[in-house]
Amino acid sequence: MQHLKPDALEYPSQYLNRMDENSTTKDQKRRDALGLFYESVLKPDHELRQCAHNQKCYNELMDIRNDVIIYLKTLRVEK
């Protein structure tokens, strides 16, 4: 399975430091939360990846990460 790279994805930078008053609706809050979660999946976690190397499951971790990214993209399209 080919792993997705962050630069190949639409990076939701509009969610960074969002403090406007118009983000109070439930739908907007959900979109904001989804964007933040999406960013957290894209952000490399070096300690976690080192643990995966130590446990010899790095490729499996990246496969799961890839699956989650694909799923999150479907959620972004639905809203």
C-alpha atoms as a PDB file:
ATOM      1  CA  MET A   1       0.000   0.000   0.000  1.00  0.00           C
ATOM      2  CA  GLN A   2       1.336   3.421  -0.914  1.00  0.00           C
ATOM      3  CA  HIS A   3       1.409   5.840   1.995  1.00  0.00           C
ATOM      4  CA  LEU A   4      -0.052   9.293   1.639  1.00  0.00           C
ATOM      5  CA  LYS A   5       2.291  12.188   2.241  1.00  0.00           C
ATOM      6  CA  PRO A   6       1.078  15.365   3.941  1.00  0.00           C
ATOM      7  CA  ASP A   7       2.042  17.550   0.969  1.00  0.00           C
ATOM      8  CA  ALA A   8      -0.168  15.385  -1.262  1.00  0.00           C
ATOM      9  CA  LEU A   9      -3.219  16.205   0.845  1.00  0.00           C
ATOM     10  CA  GLU A  10      -5.337  19.286   1.283  1.00  0.00           C
ATOM     11  CA  TYR A  11      -3.899  20.659   4.499  1.00  0.00           C
ATOM     12  CA  PRO A  12      -6.688  22.337   6.473  1.00  0.00           C
ATOM     13  CA  SER A  13      -4.666  25.333   7.631  1.00  0.00           C
ATOM     14  CA  GLN A  14      -7.824  27.430   7.908  1.00  0.00           C
ATOM     15  CA  TYR A  15      -8.406  25.653  11.225  1.00  0.00           C
ATOM     16  CA  LEU A  16      -5.261  27.058  12.817  1.00  0.00           C
ATOM     17  CA  ASN A  17      -5.940  29.781  15.367  1.00  0.00           C
ATOM     18  CA  ARG A  18      -9.601  30.071  14.417  1.00  0.00           C
ATOM     19  CA  MET A  19     -11.080  32.539  16.870  1.00  0.00           C
ATOM     20  CA  ASP A  20     -13.857  34.300  14.963  1.00  0.00           C
ATOM     21  CA  GLU A  21     -17.285  34.720  16.476  1.00  0.00           C
ATOM     22  CA  ASN A  22     -19.029  32.994  13.550  1.00  0.00           C
ATOM     23  CA  SER A  23     -17.692  29.551  14.503  1.00  0.00           C
ATOM     24  CA  THR A  24     -20.333  29.006  17.166  1.00  0.00           C
ATOM     25  CA  THR A  25     -22.734  26.834  15.196  1.00  0.00           C
ATOM     26  CA  LYS A  26     -22.716  23.114  15.912  1.00  0.00           C
ATOM     27  CA  ASP A  27     -21.856  22.273  12.293  1.00  0.00           C
ATOM     28  CA  GLN A  28     -18.988  24.761  12.235  1.00  0.00           C
ATOM     29  CA  LYS A  29     -17.643  23.460  15.542  1.00  0.00           C
ATOM     30  CA  ARG A  30     -17.739  19.929  14.134  1.00  0.00           C
ATOM     31  CA  ARG A  31     -15.885  21.054  10.992  1.00  0.00           C
ATOM     32  CA  ASP A  32     -13.311  22.844  13.140  1.00  0.00           C
ATOM     33  CA  ALA A  33     -12.846  19.785  15.371  1.00  0.00           C
ATOM     34  CA  LEU A  34     -12.541  17.529  12.325  1.00  0.00           C
ATOM     35  CA  GLY A  35      -9.914  19.847  10.854  1.00  0.00           C
ATOM     36  CA  LEU A  36      -7.909  19.818  14.065  1.00  0.00           C
ATOM     37  CA  PHE A  37      -8.109  16.040  14.309  1.00  0.00           C
ATOM     38  CA  TYR A  38      -7.051  15.770  10.658  1.00  0.00           C
ATOM     39  CA  GLU A  39      -4.033  17.943  11.387  1.00  0.00           C
ATOM     40  CA  SER A  40      -3.150  15.802  14.403  1.00  0.00           C
ATOM     41  CA  VAL A  41      -3.088  12.692  12.195  1.00  0.00           C
ATOM     42  CA  LEU A  42      -0.899  14.443   9.618  1.00  0.00           C
ATOM     43  CA  LYS A  43       1.558  15.757  12.200  1.00  0.00           C
ATOM     44  CA  PRO A  44       4.482  13.361  12.609  1.00  0.00           C
ATOM     45  CA  ASP A  45       4.815  11.874  16.088  1.00  0.00           C
ATOM     46  CA  HIS A  46       8.443  10.824  16.307  1.00  0.00           C
ATOM     47  CA  GLU A  47       8.092   9.067  19.673  1.00  0.00           C
ATOM     48  CA  LEU A  48       5.144   7.002  18.444  1.00  0.00           C
ATOM     49  CA  ARG A  49       6.972   6.088  15.256  1.00  0.00           C
ATOM     50  CA  GLN A  50      10.054   5.074  17.236  1.00  0.00           C
ATOM     51  CA  CYS A  51       7.878   2.835  19.415  1.00  0.00           C
ATOM     52  CA  ALA A  52       6.458   1.283  16.240  1.00  0.00           C
ATOM     53  CA  HIS A  53       9.997   0.620  14.976  1.00  0.00           C
ATOM     54  CA  ASN A  54      10.920  -0.941  18.332  1.00  0.00           C
ATOM     55  CA  GLN A  55       7.835  -3.164  18.211  1.00  0.00           C
ATOM     56  CA  LYS A  56       8.481  -3.929  14.538  1.00  0.00           C
ATOM     57  CA  CYS A  57       5.085  -2.663  13.414  1.00  0.00           C
ATOM     58  CA  TYR A  58       6.019   0.643  11.715  1.00  0.00           C
ATOM     59  CA  ASN A  59       4.601  -0.350   8.310  1.00  0.00           C
ATOM     60  CA  GLU A  60       1.349  -1.461   9.925  1.00  0.00           C
ATOM     61  CA  LEU A  61       1.130   1.842  11.815  1.00  0.00           C
ATOM     62  CA  MET A  62       1.580   3.770   8.569  1.00  0.00           C
ATOM     63  CA  ASP A  63      -1.055   1.589   6.866  1.00  0.00           C
ATOM     64  CA  ILE A  64      -3.543   2.409   9.628  1.00  0.00           C
ATOM     65  CA  ARG A  65      -2.593   6.099   9.417  1.00  0.00           C
ATOM     66  CA  ASN A  66      -3.258   6.005   5.692  1.00  0.00           C
ATOM     67  CA  ASP A  67      -6.658   4.363   6.242  1.00  0.00           C
ATOM     68  CA  VAL A  68      -7.587   7.010   8.822  1.00  0.00           C
ATOM     69  CA  ILE A  69      -6.565   9.844   6.473  1.00  0.00           C
ATOM     70  CA  ILE A  70      -8.723   8.397   3.710  1.00  0.00           C
ATOM     71  CA  TYR A  71     -11.659   8.060   6.116  1.00  0.00           C
ATOM     72  CA  LEU A  72     -11.217  11.615   7.426  1.00  0.00           C
ATOM     73  CA  LYS A  73     -11.262  12.938   3.876  1.00  0.00           C
ATOM     74  CA  THR A  74     -14.660  11.265   3.386  1.00  0.00           C
ATOM     75  CA  LEU A  75     -15.970  12.976   6.513  1.00  0.00           C
ATOM     76  CA  ARG A  76     -14.770  16.345   5.233  1.00  0.00           C
ATOM     77  CA  VAL A  77     -16.637  15.784   1.954  1.00  0.00           C
ATOM     78  CA  GLU A  78     -19.875  14.837   3.759  1.00  0.00           C
ATOM     79  CA  LYS A  79     -20.058  18.141   5.646  1.00  0.00           C
END
